[in-house]
Amino acid sequence: MADTKPQERRNRRPEIQPEEKQFDERTLHIDRVARVVKGGRRFRFRALVVVGDKKKKIGIGSAKGADVTAAVNKATEVAKKNFVEVSLYKGTLPHEIEYKVSGAHILLKPASAGTGLIAGGVVRTILEVAGVKNALSKSLGSSNKTNTAYATLAALDNLVPASQWVTTKAKPAKTKTVEDKKPAAKKTEKVKA
């Protein structure tokens, strides 16, 4: 009997290892948009994508394409070019922050350990991708997903890290002592009569 092992090796395809993604890419919203031309309407797709590493880096991108996959790929590339570093403190936000972009108004608050993410829709996805474990949020104003996403990103970008907080009081201005406050004694001249 001949050895069949070498033949098996020749017929096997090399196993392609799936590429491990270093970023978490999530599609927030897909819209069908139209351009009106002489012959009717031309439809395209607009995608809103968030990309993050779950370790404080996050980016948002929006792009249009002829089909959904093209739009998502373009939006992902835009998001990767616009990364923002987020300041976190023990798995939550360092402080409360409120931000407004166009009509979307976002309020983000830190939460104690074990609370989880109390957020909905777009805000929740963005906080998850950023690596926030515990936070509270409220979306005020417009429910437009694009504006809400950019308002959330702007709020996260404007967080001040705990290391830069001013916790010491400034030295008070030098105050005058009691002796300094007394008016100088007026010299009186005796009038000879």
N, C-alpha and C. Protein backbone atom coordinates (compact mmCIF):
# COMPACT_ATOMS: atom_id res chain seq x y z
N MET A 1 0.82 -1.19 0.00
CA MET A 1 0.00 0.00 0.00
C MET A 1 0.86 1.25 0.00
N ALA A 2 0.47 2.14 -0.84
CA ALA A 2 1.22 3.39 -0.95
C ALA A 2 0.76 4.36 0.13
N ASP A 3 1.66 5.22 0.52
CA ASP A 3 1.35 6.21 1.54
C ASP A 3 0.51 7.33 0.91
N THR A 4 -0.68 7.57 1.45
CA THR A 4 -1.58 8.58 0.87
C THR A 4 -1.43 9.95 1.52
N LYS A 5 -0.64 10.05 2.53
CA LYS A 5 -0.50 11.33 3.23
C LYS A 5 0.05 12.45 2.34
N PRO A 6 1.12 12.23 1.55
CA PRO A 6 1.60 13.33 0.71
C PRO A 6 0.56 13.82 -0.28
N GLN A 7 -0.26 12.90 -0.80
CA GLN A 7 -1.29 13.29 -1.76
C GLN A 7 -2.35 14.16 -1.06
N GLU A 8 -2.71 13.81 0.17
CA GLU A 8 -3.69 14.61 0.91
C GLU A 8 -3.18 16.03 1.09
N ARG A 9 -1.91 16.16 1.37
CA ARG A 9 -1.34 17.49 1.59
C ARG A 9 -1.40 18.33 0.32
N ARG A 10 -1.19 17.69 -0.83
CA ARG A 10 -1.20 18.45 -2.08
C ARG A 10 -2.60 18.94 -2.43
N ASN A 11 -3.62 18.15 -2.12
CA ASN A 11 -4.99 18.51 -2.49
C ASN A 11 -5.64 19.50 -1.52
N ARG A 12 -5.06 19.64 -0.37
CA ARG A 12 -5.66 20.56 0.60
C ARG A 12 -5.41 22.00 0.23
N ARG A 13 -6.42 22.80 0.46
CA ARG A 13 -6.25 24.24 0.29
C ARG A 13 -5.64 24.79 1.57
N PRO A 14 -4.82 25.80 1.42
CA PRO A 14 -4.28 26.38 2.66
C PRO A 14 -5.42 27.06 3.42
N GLU A 15 -5.43 26.80 4.72
CA GLU A 15 -6.50 27.38 5.54
C GLU A 15 -6.28 28.88 5.68
N ILE A 16 -7.31 29.62 5.34
CA ILE A 16 -7.22 31.07 5.45
C ILE A 16 -7.73 31.46 6.84
N GLN A 17 -6.85 32.05 7.60
CA GLN A 17 -7.24 32.48 8.93
C GLN A 17 -8.08 33.75 8.82
N PRO A 18 -9.23 33.78 9.50
CA PRO A 18 -10.02 35.01 9.44
C PRO A 18 -9.24 36.15 10.10
N GLU A 19 -9.22 37.27 9.41
CA GLU A 19 -8.47 38.42 9.91
C GLU A 19 -9.14 38.95 11.17
N GLU A 20 -8.37 39.04 12.23
CA GLU A 20 -8.92 39.53 13.49
C GLU A 20 -9.04 41.05 13.41
N LYS A 21 -10.24 41.53 13.60
CA LYS A 21 -10.47 42.97 13.50
C LYS A 21 -10.04 43.64 14.79
N GLN A 22 -9.29 44.72 14.64
CA GLN A 22 -8.86 45.45 15.82
C GLN A 22 -9.88 46.49 16.23
N PHE A 23 -10.84 46.78 15.34
CA PHE A 23 -11.86 47.77 15.64
C PHE A 23 -13.25 47.14 15.57
N ASP A 24 -14.13 47.63 16.42
CA ASP A 24 -15.53 47.22 16.39
C ASP A 24 -16.26 48.19 15.48
N GLU A 25 -16.79 47.69 14.37
CA GLU A 25 -17.48 48.54 13.39
C GLU A 25 -18.97 48.24 13.46
N ARG A 26 -19.76 49.27 13.70
CA ARG A 26 -21.21 49.08 13.77
C ARG A 26 -21.92 50.11 12.91
N THR A 27 -22.91 49.62 12.17
CA THR A 27 -23.71 50.51 11.33
C THR A 27 -24.86 51.05 12.17
N LEU A 28 -24.93 52.36 12.29
CA LEU A 28 -25.97 52.99 13.09
C LEU A 28 -27.26 53.20 12.31
N HIS A 29 -27.11 53.58 11.02
CA HIS A 29 -28.31 53.92 10.26
C HIS A 29 -28.01 53.85 8.76
N ILE A 30 -28.99 53.37 8.01
CA ILE A 30 -28.88 53.36 6.54
C ILE A 30 -30.14 54.04 5.98
N ASP A 31 -29.94 54.97 5.09
CA ASP A 31 -31.03 55.73 4.48
C ASP A 31 -30.98 55.58 2.97
N ARG A 32 -32.13 55.60 2.34
CA ARG A 32 -32.17 55.66 0.88
C ARG A 32 -32.44 57.11 0.51
N VAL A 33 -31.54 57.69 -0.25
CA VAL A 33 -31.69 59.09 -0.64
C VAL A 33 -31.87 59.16 -2.15
N ALA A 34 -32.51 60.23 -2.62
CA ALA A 34 -32.80 60.35 -4.04
C ALA A 34 -32.34 61.69 -4.58
N ARG A 35 -31.88 61.67 -5.81
CA ARG A 35 -31.53 62.89 -6.53
C ARG A 35 -32.48 62.96 -7.72
N VAL A 36 -33.18 64.05 -7.85
CA VAL A 36 -34.16 64.17 -8.94
C VAL A 36 -33.45 64.69 -10.19
N VAL A 37 -33.59 63.94 -11.26
CA VAL A 37 -33.01 64.33 -12.56
C VAL A 37 -34.13 64.37 -13.59
N LYS A 38 -33.79 64.75 -14.79
CA LYS A 38 -34.77 64.91 -15.86
C LYS A 38 -35.60 63.64 -16.09
N GLY A 39 -34.96 62.50 -16.02
CA GLY A 39 -35.65 61.24 -16.30
C GLY A 39 -36.37 60.65 -15.10
N GLY A 40 -36.26 61.25 -13.94
CA GLY A 40 -36.89 60.70 -12.73
C GLY A 40 -35.97 60.85 -11.53
N ARG A 41 -35.96 59.81 -10.69
CA ARG A 41 -35.13 59.86 -9.48
C ARG A 41 -33.99 58.88 -9.58
N ARG A 42 -32.83 59.28 -9.06
CA ARG A 42 -31.67 58.38 -8.95
C ARG A 42 -31.48 58.07 -7.47
N PHE A 43 -31.58 56.80 -7.11
CA PHE A 43 -31.47 56.43 -5.71
C PHE A 43 -30.05 56.01 -5.34
N ARG A 44 -29.65 56.42 -4.14
CA ARG A 44 -28.37 56.01 -3.56
C ARG A 44 -28.63 55.67 -2.10
N PHE A 45 -27.60 55.20 -1.42
CA PHE A 45 -27.74 54.86 -0.01
C PHE A 45 -26.74 55.65 0.82
N ARG A 46 -27.20 56.11 1.98
CA ARG A 46 -26.32 56.83 2.91
C ARG A 46 -26.19 55.98 4.17
N ALA A 47 -24.96 55.76 4.62
CA ALA A 47 -24.71 54.95 5.81
C ALA A 47 -24.05 55.79 6.89
N LEU A 48 -24.44 55.54 8.12
CA LEU A 48 -23.83 56.17 9.29
C LEU A 48 -23.19 55.05 10.10
N VAL A 49 -21.87 55.12 10.27
CA VAL A 49 -21.11 54.04 10.90
C VAL A 49 -20.28 54.58 12.05
N VAL A 50 -20.20 53.79 13.13
CA VAL A 50 -19.32 54.12 14.26
C VAL A 50 -18.26 53.03 14.36
N VAL A 51 -17.01 53.45 14.58
CA VAL A 51 -15.88 52.53 14.68
C VAL A 51 -15.14 52.85 15.97
N GLY A 52 -14.83 51.81 16.75
CA GLY A 52 -14.09 52.02 18.00
C GLY A 52 -13.31 50.79 18.39
N ASP A 53 -12.38 50.97 19.33
CA ASP A 53 -11.57 49.84 19.77
C ASP A 53 -11.96 49.37 21.17
N LYS A 54 -13.03 49.93 21.75
CA LYS A 54 -13.49 49.63 23.11
C LYS A 54 -12.44 49.96 24.15
N LYS A 55 -11.47 50.78 23.77
CA LYS A 55 -10.42 51.21 24.70
C LYS A 55 -10.19 52.71 24.55
N LYS A 56 -11.24 53.49 24.54
CA LYS A 56 -11.19 54.95 24.52
C LYS A 56 -11.07 55.60 23.14
N LYS A 57 -10.93 54.84 22.04
CA LYS A 57 -10.85 55.46 20.72
C LYS A 57 -12.15 55.23 19.98
N ILE A 58 -12.64 56.29 19.32
CA ILE A 58 -13.91 56.18 18.62
C ILE A 58 -13.96 57.16 17.46
N GLY A 59 -14.68 56.77 16.39
CA GLY A 59 -14.84 57.64 15.23
C GLY A 59 -16.20 57.40 14.58
N ILE A 60 -16.75 58.45 14.00
CA ILE A 60 -18.05 58.34 13.32
C ILE A 60 -17.87 58.82 11.89
N GLY A 61 -18.51 58.10 10.95
CA GLY A 61 -18.42 58.49 9.55
C GLY A 61 -19.75 58.32 8.85
N SER A 62 -20.01 59.18 7.89
CA SER A 62 -21.22 59.11 7.09
C SER A 62 -20.81 59.23 5.63
N ALA A 63 -21.35 58.36 4.77
CA ALA A 63 -21.01 58.41 3.34
C ALA A 63 -22.13 57.81 2.52
N LYS A 64 -22.13 58.14 1.22
CA LYS A 64 -23.13 57.64 0.30
C LYS A 64 -22.49 56.70 -0.71
N GLY A 65 -23.28 55.76 -1.20
CA GLY A 65 -22.79 54.84 -2.21
C GLY A 65 -23.92 54.32 -3.06
N ALA A 66 -23.58 53.69 -4.19
CA ALA A 66 -24.58 53.16 -5.11
C ALA A 66 -25.38 52.03 -4.49
N ASP A 67 -24.72 51.24 -3.63
CA ASP A 67 -25.44 50.19 -2.90
C ASP A 67 -25.04 50.25 -1.43
N VAL A 68 -25.70 49.44 -0.61
CA VAL A 68 -25.51 49.52 0.84
C VAL A 68 -24.07 49.19 1.24
N THR A 69 -23.49 48.13 0.68
CA THR A 69 -22.13 47.74 1.07
C THR A 69 -21.11 48.81 0.71
N ALA A 70 -21.29 49.45 -0.44
CA ALA A 70 -20.36 50.52 -0.84
C ALA A 70 -20.48 51.69 0.13
N ALA A 71 -21.69 52.04 0.51
CA ALA A 71 -21.90 53.15 1.44
C ALA A 71 -21.30 52.84 2.81
N VAL A 72 -21.50 51.62 3.28
CA VAL A 72 -20.97 51.22 4.59
C VAL A 72 -19.44 51.23 4.57
N ASN A 73 -18.83 50.71 3.51
CA ASN A 73 -17.37 50.68 3.40
C ASN A 73 -16.79 52.09 3.39
N LYS A 74 -17.42 52.98 2.62
CA LYS A 74 -16.94 54.37 2.56
C LYS A 74 -17.08 55.06 3.91
N ALA A 75 -18.21 54.83 4.57
CA ALA A 75 -18.45 55.45 5.88
C ALA A 75 -17.46 54.93 6.92
N THR A 76 -17.11 53.65 6.83
CA THR A 76 -16.13 53.07 7.75
C THR A 76 -14.77 53.72 7.57
N GLU A 77 -14.38 53.95 6.32
CA GLU A 77 -13.09 54.60 6.05
C GLU A 77 -13.09 56.04 6.61
N VAL A 78 -14.20 56.74 6.43
CA VAL A 78 -14.32 58.11 6.96
C VAL A 78 -14.19 58.08 8.48
N ALA A 79 -14.86 57.12 9.13
CA ALA A 79 -14.83 57.02 10.59
C ALA A 79 -13.41 56.73 11.10
N LYS A 80 -12.67 55.87 10.39
CA LYS A 80 -11.31 55.53 10.81
C LYS A 80 -10.36 56.72 10.69
N LYS A 81 -10.68 57.65 9.78
CA LYS A 81 -9.82 58.84 9.62
C LYS A 81 -10.12 59.90 10.67
N ASN A 82 -11.27 59.80 11.35
CA ASN A 82 -11.68 60.83 12.29
C ASN A 82 -11.79 60.29 13.72
N PHE A 83 -10.74 59.61 14.18
CA PHE A 83 -10.76 59.06 15.54
C PHE A 83 -10.63 60.15 16.58
N VAL A 84 -11.29 59.92 17.71
CA VAL A 84 -11.26 60.84 18.86
C VAL A 84 -10.88 60.01 20.08
N GLU A 85 -10.05 60.57 20.95
CA GLU A 85 -9.66 59.90 22.19
C GLU A 85 -10.63 60.33 23.29
N VAL A 86 -11.26 59.35 23.95
CA VAL A 86 -12.26 59.61 24.99
C VAL A 86 -11.61 59.44 26.36
N SER A 87 -11.89 60.37 27.28
CA SER A 87 -11.37 60.28 28.65
C SER A 87 -12.36 59.51 29.51
N LEU A 88 -11.95 58.36 30.00
CA LEU A 88 -12.80 57.56 30.89
C LEU A 88 -12.19 57.52 32.28
N TYR A 89 -13.03 57.25 33.27
CA TYR A 89 -12.58 57.18 34.66
C TYR A 89 -13.23 55.96 35.30
N LYS A 90 -12.47 54.91 35.54
CA LYS A 90 -12.94 53.67 36.16
C LYS A 90 -14.15 53.07 35.44
N GLY A 91 -14.10 53.03 34.11
CA GLY A 91 -15.15 52.41 33.32
C GLY A 91 -16.38 53.27 33.09
N THR A 92 -16.35 54.50 33.57
CA THR A 92 -17.47 55.40 33.36
C THR A 92 -16.95 56.76 32.91
N LEU A 93 -17.81 57.73 32.83
CA LEU A 93 -17.41 59.07 32.41
C LEU A 93 -16.83 59.82 33.61
N PRO A 94 -15.88 60.72 33.39
CA PRO A 94 -15.30 61.44 34.52
C PRO A 94 -16.26 62.46 35.16
N HIS A 95 -17.18 63.00 34.38
CA HIS A 95 -18.12 63.99 34.91
C HIS A 95 -19.34 64.09 34.00
N GLU A 96 -20.34 64.80 34.47
CA GLU A 96 -21.56 65.01 33.68
C GLU A 96 -21.26 66.00 32.56
N ILE A 97 -21.88 65.78 31.39
CA ILE A 97 -21.67 66.70 30.27
C ILE A 97 -22.93 66.76 29.42
N GLU A 98 -23.17 67.94 28.88
CA GLU A 98 -24.33 68.17 28.03
C GLU A 98 -23.80 68.81 26.75
N TYR A 99 -24.31 68.34 25.61
CA TYR A 99 -23.83 68.90 24.35
C TYR A 99 -24.97 68.97 23.34
N LYS A 100 -24.88 69.95 22.45
CA LYS A 100 -25.92 70.15 21.45
C LYS A 100 -25.29 70.30 20.07
N VAL A 101 -25.80 69.54 19.10
CA VAL A 101 -25.40 69.68 17.71
C VAL A 101 -26.69 69.81 16.92
N SER A 102 -26.84 70.93 16.24
CA SER A 102 -28.06 71.23 15.49
C SER A 102 -29.25 71.11 16.44
N GLY A 103 -30.20 70.23 16.17
CA GLY A 103 -31.37 70.10 17.03
C GLY A 103 -31.23 69.02 18.09
N ALA A 104 -30.20 68.19 17.99
CA ALA A 104 -30.01 67.08 18.93
C ALA A 104 -29.27 67.57 20.18
N HIS A 105 -29.84 67.25 21.32
CA HIS A 105 -29.30 67.69 22.61
C HIS A 105 -29.05 66.43 23.43
N ILE A 106 -27.82 66.21 23.88
CA ILE A 106 -27.45 64.98 24.60
C ILE A 106 -26.95 65.31 26.00
N LEU A 107 -27.41 64.53 26.98
CA LEU A 107 -26.94 64.66 28.36
C LEU A 107 -26.34 63.32 28.76
N LEU A 108 -25.07 63.31 29.18
CA LEU A 108 -24.38 62.10 29.62
C LEU A 108 -23.96 62.28 31.06
N LYS A 109 -24.19 61.23 31.88
CA LYS A 109 -23.83 61.29 33.30
C LYS A 109 -23.04 60.04 33.68
N PRO A 110 -22.08 60.18 34.59
CA PRO A 110 -21.37 58.99 35.08
C PRO A 110 -22.29 58.16 35.97
N ALA A 111 -22.00 56.87 36.09
CA ALA A 111 -22.80 55.98 36.94
C ALA A 111 -21.87 55.08 37.74
N SER A 112 -22.35 54.61 38.89
CA SER A 112 -21.53 53.75 39.73
C SER A 112 -21.38 52.36 39.10
N ALA A 113 -20.38 51.62 39.55
CA ALA A 113 -20.10 50.30 39.00
C ALA A 113 -21.31 49.39 39.17
N GLY A 114 -21.63 48.63 38.14
CA GLY A 114 -22.76 47.71 38.19
C GLY A 114 -24.05 48.27 37.62
N THR A 115 -24.06 49.55 37.30
CA THR A 115 -25.27 50.18 36.75
C THR A 115 -25.50 49.74 35.31
N GLY A 116 -24.44 49.67 34.53
CA GLY A 116 -24.55 49.34 33.12
C GLY A 116 -24.81 50.59 32.31
N LEU A 117 -25.13 50.39 31.04
CA LEU A 117 -25.42 51.53 30.16
C LEU A 117 -26.92 51.77 30.12
N ILE A 118 -27.32 52.91 30.65
CA ILE A 118 -28.72 53.31 30.57
C ILE A 118 -28.78 54.33 29.45
N ALA A 119 -28.95 53.86 28.24
CA ALA A 119 -28.99 54.72 27.06
C ALA A 119 -29.76 53.98 25.99
N GLY A 120 -30.21 54.71 25.01
CA GLY A 120 -30.98 54.07 23.96
C GLY A 120 -30.43 54.37 22.58
N GLY A 121 -30.72 53.47 21.66
CA GLY A 121 -30.42 53.68 20.25
C GLY A 121 -28.98 53.99 19.94
N VAL A 122 -28.80 55.10 19.26
CA VAL A 122 -27.49 55.52 18.76
C VAL A 122 -26.51 55.77 19.90
N VAL A 123 -26.97 56.43 20.96
CA VAL A 123 -26.10 56.79 22.08
C VAL A 123 -25.54 55.53 22.73
N ARG A 124 -26.36 54.53 22.92
CA ARG A 124 -25.92 53.28 23.55
C ARG A 124 -24.83 52.61 22.72
N THR A 125 -25.04 52.53 21.43
CA THR A 125 -24.06 51.89 20.54
C THR A 125 -22.72 52.63 20.60
N ILE A 126 -22.77 53.95 20.56
CA ILE A 126 -21.53 54.75 20.60
C ILE A 126 -20.80 54.54 21.91
N LEU A 127 -21.52 54.54 23.03
CA LEU A 127 -20.88 54.34 24.34
C LEU A 127 -20.28 52.94 24.45
N GLU A 128 -20.96 51.93 23.91
CA GLU A 128 -20.43 50.56 23.93
C GLU A 128 -19.13 50.47 23.16
N VAL A 129 -19.11 51.04 21.96
CA VAL A 129 -17.93 50.98 21.10
C VAL A 129 -16.77 51.77 21.71
N ALA A 130 -17.09 52.83 22.47
CA ALA A 130 -16.05 53.63 23.11
C ALA A 130 -15.44 52.93 24.32
N GLY A 131 -16.13 51.92 24.85
CA GLY A 131 -15.60 51.19 26.00
C GLY A 131 -16.18 51.65 27.32
N VAL A 132 -17.25 52.41 27.31
CA VAL A 132 -17.90 52.86 28.54
C VAL A 132 -18.73 51.71 29.08
N LYS A 133 -18.54 51.37 30.36
CA LYS A 133 -19.27 50.25 30.97
C LYS A 133 -20.50 50.72 31.73
N ASN A 134 -20.40 51.87 32.42
CA ASN A 134 -21.49 52.37 33.25
C ASN A 134 -21.73 53.84 32.94
N ALA A 135 -22.94 54.18 32.54
CA ALA A 135 -23.27 55.58 32.26
C ALA A 135 -24.78 55.73 32.13
N LEU A 136 -25.23 56.96 32.36
CA LEU A 136 -26.63 57.31 32.18
C LEU A 136 -26.68 58.34 31.07
N SER A 137 -27.75 58.33 30.28
CA SER A 137 -27.86 59.33 29.23
C SER A 137 -29.30 59.69 28.97
N LYS A 138 -29.48 60.87 28.44
CA LYS A 138 -30.81 61.33 28.06
C LYS A 138 -30.66 62.08 26.75
N SER A 139 -31.50 61.72 25.79
CA SER A 139 -31.49 62.40 24.50
C SER A 139 -32.64 63.39 24.49
N LEU A 140 -32.30 64.66 24.40
CA LEU A 140 -33.29 65.73 24.41
C LEU A 140 -33.36 66.34 23.01
N GLY A 141 -34.47 66.92 22.66
CA GLY A 141 -34.56 67.59 21.38
C GLY A 141 -34.77 66.61 20.24
N SER A 142 -34.10 66.84 19.13
CA SER A 142 -34.29 66.09 17.90
C SER A 142 -33.91 64.62 18.05
N SER A 143 -34.60 63.76 17.33
CA SER A 143 -34.28 62.33 17.35
C SER A 143 -33.52 61.92 16.08
N ASN A 144 -33.05 62.91 15.31
CA ASN A 144 -32.28 62.64 14.10
C ASN A 144 -31.02 61.85 14.47
N LYS A 145 -30.85 60.67 13.88
CA LYS A 145 -29.75 59.79 14.29
C LYS A 145 -28.38 60.37 13.98
N THR A 146 -28.25 61.04 12.87
CA THR A 146 -26.95 61.62 12.50
C THR A 146 -26.55 62.71 13.49
N ASN A 147 -27.45 63.64 13.77
CA ASN A 147 -27.14 64.72 14.71
C ASN A 147 -26.94 64.20 16.12
N THR A 148 -27.72 63.20 16.53
CA THR A 148 -27.55 62.59 17.85
C THR A 148 -26.18 61.94 17.97
N ALA A 149 -25.76 61.24 16.91
CA ALA A 149 -24.45 60.58 16.91
C ALA A 149 -23.32 61.61 17.04
N TYR A 150 -23.40 62.69 16.25
CA TYR A 150 -22.35 63.70 16.30
C TYR A 150 -22.37 64.47 17.62
N ALA A 151 -23.55 64.66 18.22
CA ALA A 151 -23.64 65.33 19.53
C ALA A 151 -23.00 64.46 20.61
N THR A 152 -23.24 63.15 20.55
CA THR A 152 -22.65 62.22 21.51
C THR A 152 -21.13 62.20 21.37
N LEU A 153 -20.65 62.16 20.14
CA LEU A 153 -19.21 62.17 19.90
C LEU A 153 -18.58 63.46 20.41
N ALA A 154 -19.23 64.59 20.17
CA ALA A 154 -18.70 65.88 20.63
C ALA A 154 -18.68 65.94 22.16
N ALA A 155 -19.71 65.38 22.80
CA ALA A 155 -19.75 65.36 24.26
C ALA A 155 -18.61 64.51 24.81
N LEU A 156 -18.38 63.34 24.22
CA LEU A 156 -17.29 62.47 24.67
C LEU A 156 -15.93 63.12 24.43
N ASP A 157 -15.81 63.86 23.33
CA ASP A 157 -14.55 64.52 23.00
C ASP A 157 -14.25 65.66 23.97
N ASN A 158 -15.28 66.30 24.53
CA ASN A 158 -15.09 67.45 25.42
C ASN A 158 -15.02 67.08 26.90
N LEU A 159 -14.94 65.79 27.22
CA LEU A 159 -14.78 65.39 28.61
C LEU A 159 -13.38 65.77 29.10
N VAL A 160 -13.31 66.28 30.31
CA VAL A 160 -12.02 66.65 30.90
C VAL A 160 -11.56 65.48 31.76
N PRO A 161 -10.36 64.94 31.51
CA PRO A 161 -9.89 63.80 32.30
C PRO A 161 -9.72 64.17 33.77
N ALA A 162 -9.87 63.18 34.65
CA ALA A 162 -9.80 63.41 36.09
C ALA A 162 -8.45 64.00 36.51
N SER A 163 -7.41 63.69 35.76
CA SER A 163 -6.08 64.20 36.10
C SER A 163 -5.96 65.71 35.90
N GLN A 164 -6.85 66.30 35.10
CA GLN A 164 -6.79 67.74 34.84
C GLN A 164 -7.79 68.55 35.65
N TRP A 165 -8.49 67.88 36.56
CA TRP A 165 -9.45 68.61 37.40
C TRP A 165 -8.71 69.51 38.35
N VAL A 166 -9.25 70.67 38.62
CA VAL A 166 -8.66 71.59 39.60
C VAL A 166 -9.34 71.30 40.93
N THR A 167 -8.59 70.69 41.86
CA THR A 167 -9.19 70.31 43.14
C THR A 167 -8.70 71.15 44.30
N THR A 168 -7.69 71.97 44.07
CA THR A 168 -7.20 72.83 45.15
C THR A 168 -7.74 74.23 44.95
N LYS A 169 -7.99 74.89 46.08
CA LYS A 169 -8.50 76.25 45.99
C LYS A 169 -7.35 77.20 45.69
N ALA A 170 -7.64 78.21 44.93
CA ALA A 170 -6.62 79.22 44.64
C ALA A 170 -6.36 80.02 45.91
N LYS A 171 -5.13 80.49 46.06
CA LYS A 171 -4.80 81.28 47.25
C LYS A 171 -5.61 82.57 47.22
N PRO A 172 -6.23 82.90 48.37
CA PRO A 172 -7.03 84.13 48.38
C PRO A 172 -6.12 85.35 48.29
N ALA A 173 -6.66 86.41 47.75
CA ALA A 173 -5.89 87.65 47.63
C ALA A 173 -5.55 88.15 49.03
N LYS A 174 -4.40 88.77 49.15
CA LYS A 174 -3.94 89.23 50.46
C LYS A 174 -4.91 90.30 50.97
N THR A 175 -5.44 90.03 52.16
CA THR A 175 -6.37 90.99 52.75
C THR A 175 -5.62 91.87 53.74
N LYS A 176 -6.15 93.04 53.94
CA LYS A 176 -5.51 93.99 54.86
C LYS A 176 -5.83 93.58 56.29
N THR A 177 -4.86 93.73 57.16
CA THR A 177 -5.07 93.41 58.57
C THR A 177 -5.84 94.56 59.22
N VAL A 178 -6.19 94.35 60.49
CA VAL A 178 -6.97 95.35 61.21
C VAL A 178 -6.21 96.67 61.30
N GLU A 179 -4.90 96.57 61.51
CA GLU A 179 -4.11 97.79 61.64
C GLU A 179 -4.06 98.56 60.32
N ASP A 180 -4.03 97.81 59.21
CA ASP A 180 -3.99 98.47 57.90
C ASP A 180 -5.31 99.16 57.59
N LYS A 181 -6.40 98.60 58.15
CA LYS A 181 -7.70 99.14 57.83
C LYS A 181 -8.01 100.45 58.57
N LYS A 182 -7.33 100.67 59.71
CA LYS A 182 -7.60 101.90 60.48
C LYS A 182 -7.12 103.10 59.68
N PRO A 183 -7.95 104.11 59.62
CA PRO A 183 -7.49 105.29 58.90
C PRO A 183 -6.37 105.98 59.70
N ALA A 184 -5.47 106.55 58.98
CA ALA A 184 -4.35 107.23 59.64
C ALA A 184 -4.89 108.39 60.48
N ALA A 185 -4.29 108.57 61.66
CA ALA A 185 -4.75 109.65 62.56
C ALA A 185 -4.44 111.00 61.93
N LYS A 186 -5.45 111.85 61.96
CA LYS A 186 -5.27 113.16 61.34
C LYS A 186 -4.48 114.05 62.30
N LYS A 187 -3.60 114.76 61.72
CA LYS A 187 -2.84 115.71 62.54
C LYS A 187 -3.67 116.97 62.70
N THR A 188 -3.87 117.31 63.92
CA THR A 188 -4.63 118.53 64.17
C THR A 188 -3.67 119.63 64.65
N GLU A 189 -3.87 120.76 64.12
CA GLU A 189 -3.03 121.89 64.53
C GLU A 189 -3.79 122.70 65.58
N LYS A 190 -3.05 123.04 66.57
CA LYS A 190 -3.67 123.87 67.59
C LYS A 190 -3.68 125.29 67.10
N VAL A 191 -4.81 125.87 67.19
CA VAL A 191 -4.94 127.25 66.74
C VAL A 191 -4.73 128.15 67.95
N LYS A 192 -3.81 129.06 67.83
CA LYS A 192 -3.55 129.98 68.94
C LYS A 192 -4.53 131.13 68.85
N ALA A 193 -5.18 131.39 69.94
CA ALA A 193 -6.13 132.46 69.91
C ALA A 193 -5.67 133.64 70.76
